[in-house]
Amino acid sequence: DDAARTADAIAAAGGTPLLVALEDAYGIAVLGVVHLK
């Protein structure tokens, strides 16, 4: 949910959110968001 909220906040401010995710032997997870503006 934190990733979704961060992405929505960036979009609301007029920016573009890019999600970054990683999958390895331990599983898959979203690491964070890159803010494009």
All heavy atoms as atom14 arrays in JSON, in Angstrom:
{
  "sequence": "DDAARTADAIAAAGGTPLLVALEDAYGIAVLGVVHLK",
  "atom14_mask": [
    [1, 1, 1, 1, 1, 1, 1, 1, 0, 0, 0, 0, 0, 0],
    [1, 1, 1, 1, 1, 1, 1, 1, 0, 0, 0, 0, 0, 0],
    [1, 1, 1, 1, 1, 0, 0, 0, 0, 0, 0, 0, 0, 0],
    [1, 1, 1, 1, 1, 0, 0, 0, 0, 0, 0, 0, 0, 0],
    [1, 1, 1, 1, 1, 1, 1, 1, 1, 1, 1, 0, 0, 0],
    [1, 1, 1, 1, 1, 1, 1, 0, 0, 0, 0, 0, 0, 0],
    [1, 1, 1, 1, 1, 0, 0, 0, 0, 0, 0, 0, 0, 0],
    [1, 1, 1, 1, 1, 1, 1, 1, 0, 0, 0, 0, 0, 0],
    [1, 1, 1, 1, 1, 0, 0, 0, 0, 0, 0, 0, 0, 0],
    [1, 1, 1, 1, 1, 1, 1, 1, 0, 0, 0, 0, 0, 0],
    [1, 1, 1, 1, 1, 0, 0, 0, 0, 0, 0, 0, 0, 0],
    [1, 1, 1, 1, 1, 0, 0, 0, 0, 0, 0, 0, 0, 0],
    [1, 1, 1, 1, 1, 0, 0, 0, 0, 0, 0, 0, 0, 0],
    [1, 1, 1, 1, 0, 0, 0, 0, 0, 0, 0, 0, 0, 0],
    [1, 1, 1, 1, 0, 0, 0, 0, 0, 0, 0, 0, 0, 0],
    [1, 1, 1, 1, 1, 1, 1, 0, 0, 0, 0, 0, 0, 0],
    [1, 1, 1, 1, 1, 1, 1, 0, 0, 0, 0, 0, 0, 0],
    [1, 1, 1, 1, 1, 1, 1, 1, 0, 0, 0, 0, 0, 0],
    [1, 1, 1, 1, 1, 1, 1, 1, 0, 0, 0, 0, 0, 0],
    [1, 1, 1, 1, 1, 1, 1, 0, 0, 0, 0, 0, 0, 0],
    [1, 1, 1, 1, 1, 0, 0, 0, 0, 0, 0, 0, 0, 0],
    [1, 1, 1, 1, 1, 1, 1, 1, 0, 0, 0, 0, 0, 0],
    [1, 1, 1, 1, 1, 1, 1, 1, 1, 0, 0, 0, 0, 0],
    [1, 1, 1, 1, 1, 1, 1, 1, 0, 0, 0, 0, 0, 0],
    [1, 1, 1, 1, 1, 0, 0, 0, 0, 0, 0, 0, 0, 0],
    [1, 1, 1, 1, 1, 1, 1, 1, 1, 1, 1, 1, 0, 0],
    [1, 1, 1, 1, 0, 0, 0, 0, 0, 0, 0, 0, 0, 0],
    [1, 1, 1, 1, 1, 1, 1, 1, 0, 0, 0, 0, 0, 0],
    [1, 1, 1, 1, 1, 0, 0, 0, 0, 0, 0, 0, 0, 0],
    [1, 1, 1, 1, 1, 1, 1, 0, 0, 0, 0, 0, 0, 0],
    [1, 1, 1, 1, 1, 1, 1, 1, 0, 0, 0, 0, 0, 0],
    [1, 1, 1, 1, 0, 0, 0, 0, 0, 0, 0, 0, 0, 0],
    [1, 1, 1, 1, 1, 1, 1, 0, 0, 0, 0, 0, 0, 0],
    [1, 1, 1, 1, 1, 1, 1, 0, 0, 0, 0, 0, 0, 0],
    [1, 1, 1, 1, 1, 1, 1, 1, 1, 1, 0, 0, 0, 0],
    [1, 1, 1, 1, 1, 1, 1, 1, 0, 0, 0, 0, 0, 0],
    [1, 1, 1, 1, 1, 1, 1, 1, 1, 0, 0, 0, 0, 0]
  ],
  "atom14_positions": [
    [[0.82, -1.2, 0.0], [0.0, 0.0, 0.0], [0.86, 1.26, 0.0], [0.49, 2.28, -0.59], [-0.93, 0.0, 1.21], [-2.0, -1.08, 1.13], [-2.27, -1.55, -0.01], [-2.55, -1.45, 2.18], [0.0, 0.0, 0.0], [0.0, 0.0, 0.0], [0.0, 0.0, 0.0], [0.0, 0.0, 0.0], [0.0, 0.0, 0.0], [0.0, 0.0, 0.0]],
    [[2.03, 1.18, 0.66], [2.93, 2.34, 0.7], [3.36, 2.74, -0.71], [3.48, 3.93, -1.03], [4.16, 2.05, 1.55], [3.83, 2.02, 3.04], [2.8, 2.62, 3.42], [4.59, 1.39, 3.81], [0.0, 0.0, 0.0], [0.0, 0.0, 0.0], [0.0, 0.0, 0.0], [0.0, 0.0, 0.0], [0.0, 0.0, 0.0], [0.0, 0.0, 0.0]],
    [[3.63, 1.75, -1.56], [4.04, 2.03, -2.93], [2.91, 2.71, -3.7], [3.12, 3.68, -4.44], [4.47, 0.75, -3.63], [0.0, 0.0, 0.0], [0.0, 0.0, 0.0], [0.0, 0.0, 0.0], [0.0, 0.0, 0.0], [0.0, 0.0, 0.0], [0.0, 0.0, 0.0], [0.0, 0.0, 0.0], [0.0, 0.0, 0.0], [0.0, 0.0, 0.0]],
    [[1.69, 2.21, -3.52], [0.54, 2.8, -4.21], [0.3, 4.23, -3.75], [0.02, 5.13, -4.56], [-0.7, 1.94, -3.97], [0.0, 0.0, 0.0], [0.0, 0.0, 0.0], [0.0, 0.0, 0.0], [0.0, 0.0, 0.0], [0.0, 0.0, 0.0], [0.0, 0.0, 0.0], [0.0, 0.0, 0.0], [0.0, 0.0, 0.0], [0.0, 0.0, 0.0]],
    [[0.42, 4.46, -2.42], [0.19, 5.82, -1.9], [1.26, 6.79, -2.41], [0.96, 7.93, -2.77], [0.19, 5.79, -0.37], [-1.12, 5.28, 0.23], [-1.2, 5.59, 1.72], [-0.19, 4.83, 2.47], [-0.41, 3.63, 2.99], [-1.6, 3.05, 2.87], [0.54, 3.0, 3.67], [0.0, 0.0, 0.0], [0.0, 0.0, 0.0], [0.0, 0.0, 0.0]],
    [[2.52, 6.33, -2.44], [3.6, 7.2, -2.93], [3.39, 7.54, -4.4], [3.57, 8.7, -4.82], [4.97, 6.51, -2.75], [5.16, 6.22, -1.37], [6.09, 7.41, -3.24], [0.0, 0.0, 0.0], [0.0, 0.0, 0.0], [0.0, 0.0, 0.0], [0.0, 0.0, 0.0], [0.0, 0.0, 0.0], [0.0, 0.0, 0.0], [0.0, 0.0, 0.0]],
    [[3.02, 6.53, -5.2], [2.78, 6.77, -6.63], [1.63, 7.74, -6.83], [1.69, 8.65, -7.68], [2.51, 5.45, -7.34], [0.0, 0.0, 0.0], [0.0, 0.0, 0.0], [0.0, 0.0, 0.0], [0.0, 0.0, 0.0], [0.0, 0.0, 0.0], [0.0, 0.0, 0.0], [0.0, 0.0, 0.0], [0.0, 0.0, 0.0], [0.0, 0.0, 0.0]],
    [[0.56, 7.58, -6.06], [-0.59, 8.47, -6.19], [-0.22, 9.91, -5.81], [-0.68, 10.87, -6.44], [-1.74, 7.99, -5.31], [-2.37, 6.69, -5.84], [-2.15, 6.38, -7.03], [-3.06, 6.01, -5.05], [0.0, 0.0, 0.0], [0.0, 0.0, 0.0], [0.0, 0.0, 0.0], [0.0, 0.0, 0.0], [0.0, 0.0, 0.0], [0.0, 0.0, 0.0]],
    [[0.6, 10.06, -4.77], [1.0, 11.4, -4.33], [1.84, 12.1, -5.4], [1.68, 13.3, -5.65], [1.78, 11.31, -3.01], [0.0, 0.0, 0.0], [0.0, 0.0, 0.0], [0.0, 0.0, 0.0], [0.0, 0.0, 0.0], [0.0, 0.0, 0.0], [0.0, 0.0, 0.0], [0.0, 0.0, 0.0], [0.0, 0.0, 0.0], [0.0, 0.0, 0.0]],
    [[2.74, 11.33, -6.04], [3.56, 11.92, -7.11], [2.68, 12.35, -8.27], [2.85, 13.45, -8.83], [4.63, 10.9, -7.57], [5.66, 10.68, -6.46], [5.31, 11.37, -8.85], [6.65, 9.57, -6.76], [0.0, 0.0, 0.0], [0.0, 0.0, 0.0], [0.0, 0.0, 0.0], [0.0, 0.0, 0.0], [0.0, 0.0, 0.0], [0.0, 0.0, 0.0]],
    [[1.72, 11.49, -8.66], [0.83, 11.82, -9.76], [-0.02, 13.04, -9.43], [-0.27, 13.9, -10.28], [-0.05, 10.62, -10.1], [0.0, 0.0, 0.0], [0.0, 0.0, 0.0], [0.0, 0.0, 0.0], [0.0, 0.0, 0.0], [0.0, 0.0, 0.0], [0.0, 0.0, 0.0], [0.0, 0.0, 0.0], [0.0, 0.0, 0.0], [0.0, 0.0, 0.0]],
    [[-0.47, 13.13, -8.17], [-1.29, 14.26, -7.76], [-0.52, 15.58, -7.83], [-1.11, 16.65, -8.05], [-1.83, 14.04, -6.35], [0.0, 0.0, 0.0], [0.0, 0.0, 0.0], [0.0, 0.0, 0.0], [0.0, 0.0, 0.0], [0.0, 0.0, 0.0], [0.0, 0.0, 0.0], [0.0, 0.0, 0.0], [0.0, 0.0, 0.0], [0.0, 0.0, 0.0]],
    [[0.79, 15.51, -7.64], [1.63, 16.71, -7.68], [2.08, 17.05, -9.1], [2.85, 17.98, -9.3], [2.85, 16.53, -6.79], [0.0, 0.0, 0.0], [0.0, 0.0, 0.0], [0.0, 0.0, 0.0], [0.0, 0.0, 0.0], [0.0, 0.0, 0.0], [0.0, 0.0, 0.0], [0.0, 0.0, 0.0], [0.0, 0.0, 0.0], [0.0, 0.0, 0.0]],
    [[1.59, 16.27, -10.08], [1.94, 16.55, -11.46], [3.15, 15.8, -11.96], [3.61, 16.03, -13.08], [0.0, 0.0, 0.0], [0.0, 0.0, 0.0], [0.0, 0.0, 0.0], [0.0, 0.0, 0.0], [0.0, 0.0, 0.0], [0.0, 0.0, 0.0], [0.0, 0.0, 0.0], [0.0, 0.0, 0.0], [0.0, 0.0, 0.0], [0.0, 0.0, 0.0]],
    [[3.7, 14.87, -11.16], [4.85, 14.1, -11.57], [4.46, 12.76, -12.16], [3.28, 12.44, -12.31], [0.0, 0.0, 0.0], [0.0, 0.0, 0.0], [0.0, 0.0, 0.0], [0.0, 0.0, 0.0], [0.0, 0.0, 0.0], [0.0, 0.0, 0.0], [0.0, 0.0, 0.0], [0.0, 0.0, 0.0], [0.0, 0.0, 0.0], [0.0, 0.0, 0.0]],
    [[5.47, 11.96, -12.49], [5.25, 10.61, -13.03], [5.98, 9.61, -12.13], [7.2, 9.71, -11.98], [5.79, 10.49, -14.46], [5.11, 11.43, -15.29], [5.58, 9.09, -15.0], [0.0, 0.0, 0.0], [0.0, 0.0, 0.0], [0.0, 0.0, 0.0], [0.0, 0.0, 0.0], [0.0, 0.0, 0.0], [0.0, 0.0, 0.0], [0.0, 0.0, 0.0]],
    [[5.25, 8.65, -11.54], [5.92, 7.65, -10.69], [6.36, 6.44, -11.51], [5.63, 5.96, -12.38], [4.82, 7.26, -9.7], [3.54, 7.45, -10.47], [3.78, 8.57, -11.44], [0.0, 0.0, 0.0], [0.0, 0.0, 0.0], [0.0, 0.0, 0.0], [0.0, 0.0, 0.0], [0.0, 0.0, 0.0], [0.0, 0.0, 0.0], [0.0, 0.0, 0.0]],
    [[7.58, 5.96, -11.25], [8.08, 4.72, -11.83], [8.35, 3.74, -10.69], [9.12, 4.07, -9.78], [9.36, 4.96, -12.63], [9.3, 5.93, -13.82], [10.67, 6.07, -14.45], [8.28, 5.47, -14.84], [0.0, 0.0, 0.0], [0.0, 0.0, 0.0], [0.0, 0.0, 0.0], [0.0, 0.0, 0.0], [0.0, 0.0, 0.0], [0.0, 0.0, 0.0]],
    [[7.75, 2.58, -10.75], [8.01, 1.57, -9.73], [9.26, 0.78, -10.09], [9.54, 0.54, -11.27], [6.83, 0.61, -9.6], [5.52, 1.14, -9.0], [4.55, -0.01, -8.78], [5.76, 1.89, -7.71], [0.0, 0.0, 0.0], [0.0, 0.0, 0.0], [0.0, 0.0, 0.0], [0.0, 0.0, 0.0], [0.0, 0.0, 0.0], [0.0, 0.0, 0.0]],
    [[10.01, 0.39, -9.07], [11.19, -0.46, -9.24], [10.97, -1.73, -8.42], [10.69, -1.65, -7.21], [12.48, 0.26, -8.79], [13.69, -0.66, -8.98], [12.67, 1.57, -9.55], [0.0, 0.0, 0.0], [0.0, 0.0, 0.0], [0.0, 0.0, 0.0], [0.0, 0.0, 0.0], [0.0, 0.0, 0.0], [0.0, 0.0, 0.0], [0.0, 0.0, 0.0]],
    [[11.07, -2.88, -9.08], [10.84, -4.16, -8.39], [11.98, -5.13, -8.68], [12.64, -5.03, -9.74], [9.51, -4.77, -8.83], [0.0, 0.0, 0.0], [0.0, 0.0, 0.0], [0.0, 0.0, 0.0], [0.0, 0.0, 0.0], [0.0, 0.0, 0.0], [0.0, 0.0, 0.0], [0.0, 0.0, 0.0], [0.0, 0.0, 0.0], [0.0, 0.0, 0.0]],
    [[12.21, -6.05, -7.75], [13.31, -7.01, -7.87], [12.82, -8.41, -7.5], [12.08, -8.57, -6.52], [14.47, -6.59, -6.97], [15.72, -7.48, -6.95], [16.97, -6.64, -6.8], [15.64, -8.5, -5.8], [0.0, 0.0, 0.0], [0.0, 0.0, 0.0], [0.0, 0.0, 0.0], [0.0, 0.0, 0.0], [0.0, 0.0, 0.0], [0.0, 0.0, 0.0]],
    [[13.22, -9.39, -8.3], [12.91, -10.8, -8.01], [14.21, -11.59, -7.97], [15.01, -11.53, -8.91], [11.99, -11.37, -9.09], [11.61, -12.82, -8.84], [10.78, -13.43, -9.96], [10.71, -12.81, -11.05], [10.23, -14.53, -9.76], [0.0, 0.0, 0.0], [0.0, 0.0, 0.0], [0.0, 0.0, 0.0], [0.0, 0.0, 0.0], [0.0, 0.0, 0.0]],
    [[14.43, -12.32, -6.85], [15.62, -13.17, -6.75], [15.22, -14.46, -6.04], [14.03, -14.77, -5.91], [16.75, -12.43, -6.04], [16.4, -12.01, -4.63], [15.33, -12.42, -4.13], [17.17, -11.25, -4.01], [0.0, 0.0, 0.0], [0.0, 0.0, 0.0], [0.0, 0.0, 0.0], [0.0, 0.0, 0.0], [0.0, 0.0, 0.0], [0.0, 0.0, 0.0]],
    [[16.22, -15.14, -5.56], [15.96, -16.44, -4.94], [15.13, -16.32, -3.67], [14.5, -17.29, -3.22], [17.28, -17.15, -4.63], [0.0, 0.0, 0.0], [0.0, 0.0, 0.0], [0.0, 0.0, 0.0], [0.0, 0.0, 0.0], [0.0, 0.0, 0.0], [0.0, 0.0, 0.0], [0.0, 0.0, 0.0], [0.0, 0.0, 0.0], [0.0, 0.0, 0.0]],
    [[15.08, -15.11, -3.09], [14.34, -14.91, -1.85], [12.88, -14.52, -2.1], [12.09, -14.43, -1.17], [15.02, -13.83, -1.0], [16.42, -14.2, -0.6], [17.51, -13.74, -1.33], [16.64, -15.01, 0.51], [18.8, -14.08, -0.97], [17.94, -15.36, 0.88], [19.02, -14.9, 0.14], [20.3, -15.23, 0.49], [0.0, 0.0, 0.0], [0.0, 0.0, 0.0]],
    [[12.56, -14.2, -3.34], [11.19, -13.81, -3.64], [11.15, -12.54, -4.47], [12.16, -12.11, -5.06], [0.0, 0.0, 0.0], [0.0, 0.0, 0.0], [0.0, 0.0, 0.0], [0.0, 0.0, 0.0], [0.0, 0.0, 0.0], [0.0, 0.0, 0.0], [0.0, 0.0, 0.0], [0.0, 0.0, 0.0], [0.0, 0.0, 0.0], [0.0, 0.0, 0.0]],
    [[9.99, -11.9, -4.55], [9.8, -10.7, -5.36], [9.23, -9.59, -4.48], [8.4, -9.85, -3.59], [8.86, -10.99, -6.56], [8.77, -9.76, -7.47], [7.46, -11.4, -6.09], [8.08, -10.05, -8.78], [0.0, 0.0, 0.0], [0.0, 0.0, 0.0], [0.0, 0.0, 0.0], [0.0, 0.0, 0.0], [0.0, 0.0, 0.0], [0.0, 0.0, 0.0]],
    [[9.72, -8.36, -4.73], [9.27, -7.24, -3.89], [9.44, -5.94, -4.65], [10.32, -5.8, -5.51], [10.04, -7.2, -2.58], [0.0, 0.0, 0.0], [0.0, 0.0, 0.0], [0.0, 0.0, 0.0], [0.0, 0.0, 0.0], [0.0, 0.0, 0.0], [0.0, 0.0, 0.0], [0.0, 0.0, 0.0], [0.0, 0.0, 0.0], [0.0, 0.0, 0.0]],
    [[8.61, -4.97, -4.32], [8.76, -3.61, -4.83], [9.74, -2.88, -3.91], [9.55, -2.85, -2.69], [7.4, -2.88, -4.87], [7.6, -1.43, -5.31], [6.45, -3.59, -5.81], [0.0, 0.0, 0.0], [0.0, 0.0, 0.0], [0.0, 0.0, 0.0], [0.0, 0.0, 0.0], [0.0, 0.0, 0.0], [0.0, 0.0, 0.0], [0.0, 0.0, 0.0]],
    [[10.8, -2.29, -4.51], [11.82, -1.6, -3.71], [11.47, -0.14, -3.43], [11.82, 0.4, -2.38], [13.18, -1.67, -4.41], [13.74, -3.07, -4.69], [15.09, -2.96, -5.38], [13.85, -3.87, -3.4], [0.0, 0.0, 0.0], [0.0, 0.0, 0.0], [0.0, 0.0, 0.0], [0.0, 0.0, 0.0], [0.0, 0.0, 0.0], [0.0, 0.0, 0.0]],
    [[10.79, 0.48, -4.37], [10.48, 1.89, -4.18], [9.99, 2.52, -5.46], [9.63, 1.84, -6.43], [0.0, 0.0, 0.0], [0.0, 0.0, 0.0], [0.0, 0.0, 0.0], [0.0, 0.0, 0.0], [0.0, 0.0, 0.0], [0.0, 0.0, 0.0], [0.0, 0.0, 0.0], [0.0, 0.0, 0.0], [0.0, 0.0, 0.0], [0.0, 0.0, 0.0]],
    [[10.03, 3.85, -5.46], [9.48, 4.63, -6.57], [10.52, 5.66, -7.03], [11.2, 6.27, -6.2], [8.19, 5.36, -6.15], [7.57, 6.11, -7.33], [7.18, 4.37, -5.57], [0.0, 0.0, 0.0], [0.0, 0.0, 0.0], [0.0, 0.0, 0.0], [0.0, 0.0, 0.0], [0.0, 0.0, 0.0], [0.0, 0.0, 0.0], [0.0, 0.0, 0.0]],
    [[10.62, 5.82, -8.34], [11.43, 6.89, -8.91], [10.48, 8.02, -9.3], [9.48, 7.79, -10.01], [12.22, 6.41, -10.14], [13.02, 7.57, -10.73], [13.13, 5.26, -9.78], [0.0, 0.0, 0.0], [0.0, 0.0, 0.0], [0.0, 0.0, 0.0], [0.0, 0.0, 0.0], [0.0, 0.0, 0.0], [0.0, 0.0, 0.0], [0.0, 0.0, 0.0]],
    [[10.77, 9.21, -8.84], [9.93, 10.37, -9.12], [10.45, 11.08, -10.37], [11.53, 11.66, -10.36], [9.94, 11.33, -7.92], [9.06, 12.53, -8.1], [9.02, 13.56, -7.18], [8.18, 12.87, -9.07], [8.16, 14.47, -7.6], [7.64, 14.07, -8.74], [0.0, 0.0, 0.0], [0.0, 0.0, 0.0], [0.0, 0.0, 0.0], [0.0, 0.0, 0.0]],
    [[9.67, 11.04, -11.45], [9.97, 11.81, -12.66], [9.17, 13.1, -12.62], [7.99, 13.09, -12.26], [9.6, 11.04, -13.92], [10.41, 9.8, -14.31], [9.88, 9.25, -15.63], [11.88, 10.1, -14.42], [0.0, 0.0, 0.0], [0.0, 0.0, 0.0], [0.0, 0.0, 0.0], [0.0, 0.0, 0.0], [0.0, 0.0, 0.0], [0.0, 0.0, 0.0]],
    [[9.79, 14.19, -13.01], [9.06, 15.45, -13.0], [9.58, 16.36, -14.1], [10.7, 16.21, -14.59], [9.2, 16.15, -11.65], [10.63, 16.56, -11.3], [10.7, 17.33, -9.99], [10.03, 18.65, -10.08], [10.22, 19.5, -8.88], [0.0, 0.0, 0.0], [0.0, 0.0, 0.0], [0.0, 0.0, 0.0], [0.0, 0.0, 0.0], [0.0, 0.0, 0.0]]
  ]
}
